Amino acid sequence: MFNLPLTHFEALLLASNVLLFIFAKPLLSRFLKNDDASQHAASLNAFRGLNVLMLLTVGAGAFLGAEQAQRFWLLKILLVLLTAYCFYLLIQISAWQLRKHYGNWQTVGEEQVLTDSYKSRLFSLMSTAALAVLGLISAIQIAGFSSLLQTTGVLGFVGVFLALTQASWLPDIFGGLVLLNARMVEEGDVLLIRLHGEPTTCSVHKTKLFHTELLDLADNHRIMISNEQLRRQPLHNLAKFASAKGLREQLHFKIGYDTPEAKVRSMFSAAFASAEQNPEILYERQHPIEVRLEDTGDNALEWMVCYYIKNVRQRLLTRQQLREVILLHSLEHRVSLATPTLVQISGQMPADS
């Protein structure tokens, strides 16, 4: 009465079901690349819920007996789900091993993070495709499609479905591979991109198969953008310096013609001398600043101050801090940073009509 109508393969799946229930949490924590605690908890509950359903169904089959259990369709469905579950974990473990062997270590904030590379992503796609085909064939066999015609029919349906939908997912996979191969978008990098017509400074949070997650450094919120869309627009990677000095930043100020050049330069020098004493302002102090005349406008002269930074994640904060310091010293030196609306140069006033 308690003999189960299970094949050796199905018995192996049931044994693995018990082990997966016990070790679900460490397996998910180790192999699933997921930083969201709520999503991680939901995945853990879903996996363990499937385990419980499987055990209850097997118990019901043992209670009903072999003849009744053969007609117990829920057992077959759960065996298919368990097969998919096992192959999903195999895909995640394979991807983790490939990332560990072929991936790159990146410094994100103050910690070292293992990220995907072109090789790890490519090999992961190949292993995922192979394991997915094996898992599909196994699920087909468990579902009862034993003949070659039935098996090829199911596989053909899946193939047609993928062919019809390839326009929605294939460009993103290809775009992600191109970005990884060029090494222009890596986790932890800071990008300057144009979103909704506005330049936005973002940090790369996650590079995934179909999309990339960005963190807006100004508003501190996440942005999801498809890999194909990201690849098609100009990318300014602020973390890839052209020289060892770091990123060359510029601040622009419009100052009236009536302010002497020496006074302007003295004001900027005093401002940066004060900024050097503040350790919270993060810029490369060992490199001298550059003060240049950028443009001669109708109402004012446009002055440019250049400095270097390497902590590009603090780029916006450093700009704000330096502007505040420069404003304070402009008041001390009586240098107006307001753009004049009228210029009067002595000896060149228009004659009265």
Protein backbone atom coordinates (compact mmCIF):
# COMPACT_ATOMS: atom_id res chain seq x y z
CA MET A 1 0.00 0.00 0.00
CA PHE A 2 2.90 2.35 0.70
CA ASN A 3 4.97 1.50 -2.39
CA LEU A 4 5.34 4.59 -4.50
CA PRO A 5 5.15 4.33 -8.31
CA LEU A 6 8.39 6.29 -8.79
CA THR A 7 11.32 5.69 -11.08
CA HIS A 8 14.87 5.83 -9.82
CA PHE A 9 15.20 9.33 -11.25
CA GLU A 10 12.07 10.50 -9.43
CA ALA A 11 13.29 8.93 -6.19
CA LEU A 12 16.57 10.80 -6.60
CA LEU A 13 14.63 14.02 -7.09
CA LEU A 14 12.69 13.39 -3.89
CA ALA A 15 15.87 12.74 -1.93
CA SER A 16 17.36 15.93 -3.28
CA ASN A 17 14.12 17.69 -2.31
CA VAL A 18 14.77 16.96 1.36
CA LEU A 19 18.36 18.16 1.10
CA LEU A 20 17.30 21.33 -0.73
CA PHE A 21 14.75 22.10 1.97
CA ILE A 22 17.45 21.83 4.64
CA PHE A 23 20.14 23.77 2.77
CA ALA A 24 17.90 26.22 0.86
CA LYS A 25 19.00 29.30 2.82
CA PRO A 26 22.79 28.87 2.52
CA LEU A 27 22.42 27.85 -1.14
CA LEU A 28 20.39 30.94 -1.99
CA SER A 29 22.71 33.22 -0.02
CA ARG A 30 25.79 31.83 -1.74
CA PHE A 31 24.74 31.38 -5.34
CA LEU A 32 21.91 33.81 -6.00
CA LYS A 33 23.19 37.29 -6.82
CA ASN A 34 20.55 39.28 -4.98
CA ASP A 35 21.03 42.17 -2.53
CA ASP A 36 17.33 42.81 -1.91
CA ALA A 37 16.49 41.23 1.47
CA SER A 38 12.73 41.09 0.83
CA GLN A 39 13.17 39.48 -2.57
CA HIS A 40 15.66 37.01 -1.11
CA ALA A 41 13.18 36.06 1.63
CA ALA A 42 10.42 35.64 -0.96
CA SER A 43 12.60 33.31 -3.03
CA LEU A 44 13.48 31.28 0.05
CA ASN A 45 9.82 30.93 1.05
CA ALA A 46 8.84 29.94 -2.49
CA PHE A 47 11.50 27.24 -2.68
CA ARG A 48 10.68 25.81 0.72
CA GLY A 49 6.96 25.98 -0.02
CA LEU A 50 7.56 23.85 -3.10
CA ASN A 51 9.49 21.38 -0.93
CA VAL A 52 6.63 21.11 1.55
CA LEU A 53 4.07 20.59 -1.23
CA MET A 54 6.24 17.87 -2.73
CA LEU A 55 6.60 16.00 0.57
CA LEU A 56 2.87 16.23 1.27
CA THR A 57 2.06 14.98 -2.21
CA VAL A 58 4.42 12.03 -1.90
CA GLY A 59 2.87 11.21 1.47
CA ALA A 60 -0.58 11.32 -0.09
CA GLY A 61 0.60 9.01 -2.87
CA ALA A 62 1.98 6.54 -0.34
CA PHE A 63 -1.32 6.59 1.54
CA LEU A 64 -3.46 6.09 -1.59
CA GLY A 65 -1.37 3.25 -2.96
CA ALA A 66 0.34 2.60 -6.26
CA GLU A 67 -2.72 2.40 -8.52
CA GLN A 68 -4.28 5.57 -7.18
CA ALA A 69 -0.93 7.40 -7.09
CA GLN A 70 -0.40 6.74 -10.79
CA ARG A 71 -3.55 8.76 -11.49
CA PHE A 72 -2.58 11.46 -8.97
CA TRP A 73 -1.83 14.25 -11.49
CA LEU A 74 -0.70 16.73 -8.82
CA LEU A 75 2.29 14.55 -8.01
CA LYS A 76 3.38 14.64 -11.63
CA ILE A 77 3.02 18.42 -11.79
CA LEU A 78 5.05 18.89 -8.64
CA LEU A 79 7.75 16.55 -9.92
CA VAL A 80 7.98 18.76 -13.01
CA LEU A 81 8.24 21.84 -10.80
CA LEU A 82 10.87 20.20 -8.64
CA THR A 83 12.86 19.29 -11.76
CA ALA A 84 12.72 22.91 -12.88
CA TYR A 85 13.76 23.97 -9.37
CA CYS A 86 16.80 21.66 -9.37
CA PHE A 87 17.96 22.78 -12.82
CA TYR A 88 17.43 26.42 -11.85
CA LEU A 89 19.76 25.96 -8.91
CA LEU A 90 22.26 24.17 -11.17
CA ILE A 91 22.17 27.16 -13.54
CA GLN A 92 22.79 29.57 -10.67
CA ILE A 93 25.64 27.45 -9.28
CA SER A 94 27.19 27.16 -12.74
CA ALA A 95 26.94 30.93 -13.27
CA TRP A 96 28.49 31.58 -9.86
CA GLN A 97 31.41 29.23 -10.56
CA LEU A 98 32.02 30.80 -13.98
CA ARG A 99 31.85 34.29 -12.46
CA LYS A 100 34.29 33.23 -9.76
CA HIS A 101 36.74 31.84 -12.35
CA TYR A 102 36.39 34.38 -15.18
CA GLY A 103 34.85 37.43 -13.47
CA ASN A 104 36.45 40.65 -12.27
CA TRP A 105 36.92 41.97 -8.75
CA GLN A 106 35.72 45.57 -8.49
CA THR A 107 35.96 48.03 -5.60
CA VAL A 108 32.45 49.32 -4.91
CA GLY A 109 32.50 51.80 -2.07
CA GLU A 110 34.77 50.22 0.52
CA GLU A 111 34.27 46.54 -0.38
CA GLN A 112 35.49 44.17 -3.07
CA VAL A 113 32.68 42.80 -5.27
CA LEU A 114 32.92 39.98 -7.82
CA THR A 115 31.30 41.11 -11.08
CA ASP A 116 30.66 39.59 -14.49
CA SER A 117 33.13 39.91 -17.35
CA TYR A 118 32.65 39.25 -21.05
CA LYS A 119 33.97 35.68 -20.68
CA SER A 120 31.94 34.84 -17.58
CA ARG A 121 28.72 36.20 -19.16
CA LEU A 122 29.33 34.35 -22.45
CA PHE A 123 30.18 31.02 -20.80
CA SER A 124 27.26 31.48 -18.42
CA LEU A 125 24.88 31.90 -21.37
CA MET A 126 26.23 28.72 -22.97
CA SER A 127 25.92 26.69 -19.75
CA THR A 128 22.45 28.11 -19.11
CA ALA A 129 21.28 27.10 -22.59
CA ALA A 130 22.66 23.56 -22.19
CA LEU A 131 21.18 23.06 -18.71
CA ALA A 132 17.86 24.57 -19.79
CA VAL A 133 17.58 22.07 -22.65
CA LEU A 134 18.41 19.17 -20.31
CA GLY A 135 15.91 20.42 -17.75
CA LEU A 136 13.20 20.79 -20.39
CA ILE A 137 13.77 17.26 -21.69
CA SER A 138 13.69 15.90 -18.12
CA ALA A 139 10.44 17.74 -17.39
CA ILE A 140 8.92 16.41 -20.62
CA GLN A 141 9.82 12.84 -19.68
CA ILE A 142 8.36 13.22 -16.17
CA ALA A 143 5.18 14.77 -17.58
CA GLY A 144 4.58 11.59 -19.59
CA PHE A 145 5.53 12.68 -23.10
CA SER A 146 7.61 9.61 -23.76
CA SER A 147 7.43 9.25 -27.54
CA LEU A 148 9.90 11.00 -29.81
CA LEU A 149 7.10 12.80 -31.65
CA GLN A 150 5.66 14.24 -28.45
CA THR A 151 9.09 15.31 -27.17
CA THR A 152 10.08 17.02 -30.40
CA GLY A 153 6.65 18.67 -30.56
CA VAL A 154 7.13 20.29 -27.15
CA LEU A 155 10.69 21.32 -27.99
CA GLY A 156 9.51 22.71 -31.32
CA PHE A 157 6.85 24.77 -29.59
CA VAL A 158 9.44 26.23 -27.21
CA GLY A 159 11.77 26.95 -30.16
CA VAL A 160 9.03 28.74 -32.11
CA PHE A 161 8.12 30.78 -29.02
CA LEU A 162 11.76 31.88 -28.55
CA ALA A 163 12.07 32.73 -32.26
CA LEU A 164 8.93 34.88 -32.18
CA THR A 165 10.02 36.76 -29.06
CA GLN A 166 13.75 37.13 -29.84
CA ALA A 167 13.33 40.77 -30.83
CA SER A 168 12.45 41.66 -27.22
CA TRP A 169 15.34 39.87 -25.45
CA LEU A 170 18.15 39.11 -27.90
CA PRO A 171 19.25 42.77 -28.47
CA ASP A 172 19.60 43.26 -24.69
CA ILE A 173 21.75 40.13 -24.33
CA PHE A 174 23.91 41.22 -27.26
CA GLY A 175 24.11 44.79 -25.93
CA GLY A 176 25.17 43.52 -22.51
CA LEU A 177 27.94 41.41 -24.05
CA VAL A 178 29.20 44.38 -26.08
CA LEU A 179 29.32 46.61 -23.00
CA LEU A 180 31.14 43.96 -20.97
CA ASN A 181 33.62 43.32 -23.78
CA ALA A 182 34.38 47.04 -24.08
CA ARG A 183 34.67 47.26 -20.26
CA MET A 184 32.85 50.59 -20.37
CA VAL A 185 30.07 49.65 -17.91
CA GLU A 186 31.21 47.76 -14.83
CA GLU A 187 29.68 47.62 -11.38
CA GLY A 188 30.89 50.52 -9.27
CA ASP A 189 31.68 52.78 -12.25
CA VAL A 190 30.22 56.29 -12.39
CA LEU A 191 28.54 57.24 -15.67
CA LEU A 192 27.36 60.56 -17.05
CA ILE A 193 24.41 59.78 -19.34
CA ARG A 194 21.44 61.67 -20.74
CA LEU A 195 18.05 60.60 -19.40
CA HIS A 196 14.89 62.40 -20.52
CA GLY A 197 17.08 65.07 -22.10
CA GLU A 198 18.94 65.85 -18.86
CA PRO A 199 22.55 64.88 -18.01
CA THR A 200 22.49 62.47 -15.06
CA THR A 201 25.39 61.22 -12.93
CA CYS A 202 24.79 57.57 -12.07
CA SER A 203 26.67 54.76 -10.40
CA VAL A 204 26.42 51.28 -11.94
CA HIS A 205 24.69 49.15 -9.30
CA LYS A 206 24.15 45.86 -11.17
CA THR A 207 24.90 44.61 -14.67
CA LYS A 208 22.37 41.90 -15.48
CA LEU A 209 21.51 39.77 -18.47
CA PHE A 210 18.79 41.97 -19.95
CA HIS A 211 19.17 45.29 -18.16
CA THR A 212 21.47 47.43 -16.04
CA GLU A 213 20.54 48.93 -12.68
CA LEU A 214 21.87 52.44 -12.07
CA LEU A 215 21.90 54.54 -8.90
CA ASP A 216 21.21 58.25 -9.38
CA LEU A 217 23.85 59.94 -7.23
CA ALA A 218 21.91 63.21 -7.05
CA ASP A 219 18.48 61.89 -6.01
CA ASN A 220 19.65 58.55 -4.54
CA HIS A 221 17.17 56.33 -6.38
CA ARG A 222 17.56 53.34 -8.70
CA ILE A 223 17.13 53.48 -12.46
CA MET A 224 16.61 50.41 -14.66
CA ILE A 225 17.67 50.75 -18.30
CA SER A 226 17.84 48.05 -20.95
CA ASN A 227 21.30 47.05 -22.14
CA GLU A 228 20.42 47.86 -25.74
CA GLN A 229 19.21 51.36 -24.82
CA LEU A 230 22.34 51.95 -22.74
CA ARG A 231 24.61 50.78 -25.56
CA ARG A 232 23.00 53.07 -28.15
CA GLN A 233 23.70 56.34 -26.34
CA PRO A 234 27.00 58.11 -25.70
CA LEU A 235 28.52 56.96 -22.40
CA HIS A 236 30.84 59.10 -20.29
CA ASN A 237 32.55 56.81 -17.79
CA LEU A 238 33.91 59.20 -15.17
CA ALA A 239 35.78 56.38 -13.41
CA LYS A 240 38.02 55.72 -16.44
CA PHE A 241 40.62 58.47 -16.15
CA ALA A 242 42.70 59.67 -19.09
CA SER A 243 45.67 60.30 -16.76
CA ALA A 244 46.89 59.27 -13.33
CA LYS A 245 45.86 62.66 -11.91
CA GLY A 246 42.20 61.69 -11.94
CA LEU A 247 39.09 63.32 -13.38
CA ARG A 248 39.65 66.94 -14.46
CA GLU A 249 36.73 68.95 -13.15
CA GLN A 250 35.76 72.49 -14.16
CA LEU A 251 33.85 75.25 -12.38
CA HIS A 252 32.69 78.28 -14.40
CA PHE A 253 32.00 81.77 -13.08
CA LYS A 254 30.93 84.96 -14.88
CA ILE A 255 32.65 88.03 -13.43
CA GLY A 256 32.35 91.63 -14.59
CA TYR A 257 34.93 93.45 -16.72
CA ASP A 258 35.50 95.95 -13.94
CA THR A 259 37.17 93.33 -11.69
CA PRO A 260 40.97 93.17 -12.20
CA GLU A 261 42.47 89.86 -13.26
CA ALA A 262 44.88 89.77 -10.29
CA LYS A 263 41.98 90.15 -7.89
CA VAL A 264 40.10 87.25 -9.50
CA ARG A 265 43.11 84.94 -9.34
CA SER A 266 43.82 85.96 -5.74
CA MET A 267 40.23 85.15 -4.77
CA PHE A 268 40.38 81.65 -6.33
CA SER A 269 43.77 80.93 -4.74
CA ALA A 270 42.52 81.95 -1.30
CA ALA A 271 39.36 79.84 -1.72
CA PHE A 272 41.28 76.66 -2.59
CA ALA A 273 43.83 77.34 0.16
CA SER A 274 40.89 77.30 2.57
CA ALA A 275 39.44 74.15 0.94
CA GLU A 276 42.75 72.34 1.49
CA GLN A 277 42.25 72.70 5.25
CA ASN A 278 38.86 70.96 5.13
CA PRO A 279 39.31 67.14 4.96
CA GLU A 280 35.64 66.67 4.04
CA ILE A 281 36.22 68.26 0.63
CA LEU A 282 37.57 65.37 -1.44
CA TYR A 283 39.81 66.48 -4.30
CA GLU A 284 43.42 65.88 -5.27
CA ARG A 285 45.29 68.53 -3.30
CA GLN A 286 48.73 67.54 -4.62
CA HIS A 287 47.86 68.93 -8.07
CA PRO A 288 47.69 72.74 -8.36
CA ILE A 289 44.48 74.32 -9.58
CA GLU A 290 44.29 75.96 -13.01
CA VAL A 291 42.58 79.32 -13.46
CA ARG A 292 41.80 80.16 -17.09
CA LEU A 293 39.80 82.80 -18.95
CA GLU A 294 37.22 80.73 -20.82
CA ASP A 295 35.21 83.34 -22.72
CA THR A 296 34.75 87.09 -23.21
CA GLY A 297 31.04 87.83 -23.30
CA ASP A 298 29.10 91.01 -23.90
CA ASN A 299 28.46 91.65 -20.20
CA ALA A 300 31.06 89.58 -18.34
CA LEU A 301 34.20 87.47 -18.50
CA GLU A 302 33.77 83.74 -17.99
CA TRP A 303 36.49 82.31 -15.73
CA MET A 304 37.20 78.59 -15.41
CA VAL A 305 38.78 76.86 -12.40
CA CYS A 306 40.11 73.31 -12.91
CA TYR A 307 40.97 70.73 -10.26
CA TYR A 308 41.30 66.93 -10.10
CA ILE A 309 39.32 64.29 -8.21
CA LYS A 310 39.52 60.51 -8.00
CA ASN A 311 36.55 59.78 -5.75
CA VAL A 312 34.05 60.36 -8.56
CA ARG A 313 31.12 59.10 -6.49
CA GLN A 314 31.50 62.31 -4.45
CA ARG A 315 31.78 64.46 -7.59
CA LEU A 316 28.51 66.36 -7.10
CA LEU A 317 29.14 66.95 -3.39
CA THR A 318 32.68 68.21 -4.06
CA ARG A 319 31.39 70.68 -6.66
CA GLN A 320 28.80 72.01 -4.21
CA GLN A 321 31.34 72.33 -1.38
CA LEU A 322 33.87 74.17 -3.56
CA ARG A 323 31.23 76.54 -4.93
CA GLU A 324 30.25 77.42 -1.37
CA VAL A 325 33.87 78.10 -0.38
CA ILE A 326 34.42 80.23 -3.49
CA LEU A 327 31.24 82.21 -2.76
CA LEU A 328 32.41 83.00 0.78
CA HIS A 329 35.82 84.21 -0.44
CA SER A 330 34.25 86.23 -3.25
CA LEU A 331 32.40 88.22 -0.60
CA GLU A 332 35.60 88.74 1.37
CA HIS A 333 37.49 89.92 -1.74
CA ARG A 334 34.51 92.00 -2.96
CA VAL A 335 34.34 90.08 -6.23
CA SER A 336 30.76 89.86 -7.49
CA LEU A 337 29.78 86.51 -9.03
CA ALA A 338 26.51 87.96 -10.34
CA THR A 339 26.51 88.42 -14.12
CA PRO A 340 26.31 92.15 -14.91
CA THR A 341 23.52 93.33 -17.21
CA LEU A 342 25.24 96.55 -18.32
CA VAL A 343 28.90 97.24 -19.07
CA GLN A 344 30.31 100.76 -18.92
CA ILE A 345 33.92 101.15 -20.01
CA SER A 346 35.51 104.51 -19.26
CA GLY A 347 36.13 106.64 -22.38
CA GLN A 348 33.87 104.51 -24.61
CA MET A 349 30.41 105.74 -23.62
CA PRO A 350 28.06 106.42 -26.55
CA ALA A 351 27.71 110.10 -27.48
CA ASP A 352 24.47 111.92 -26.76
CA SER A 353 22.25 112.28 -29.80
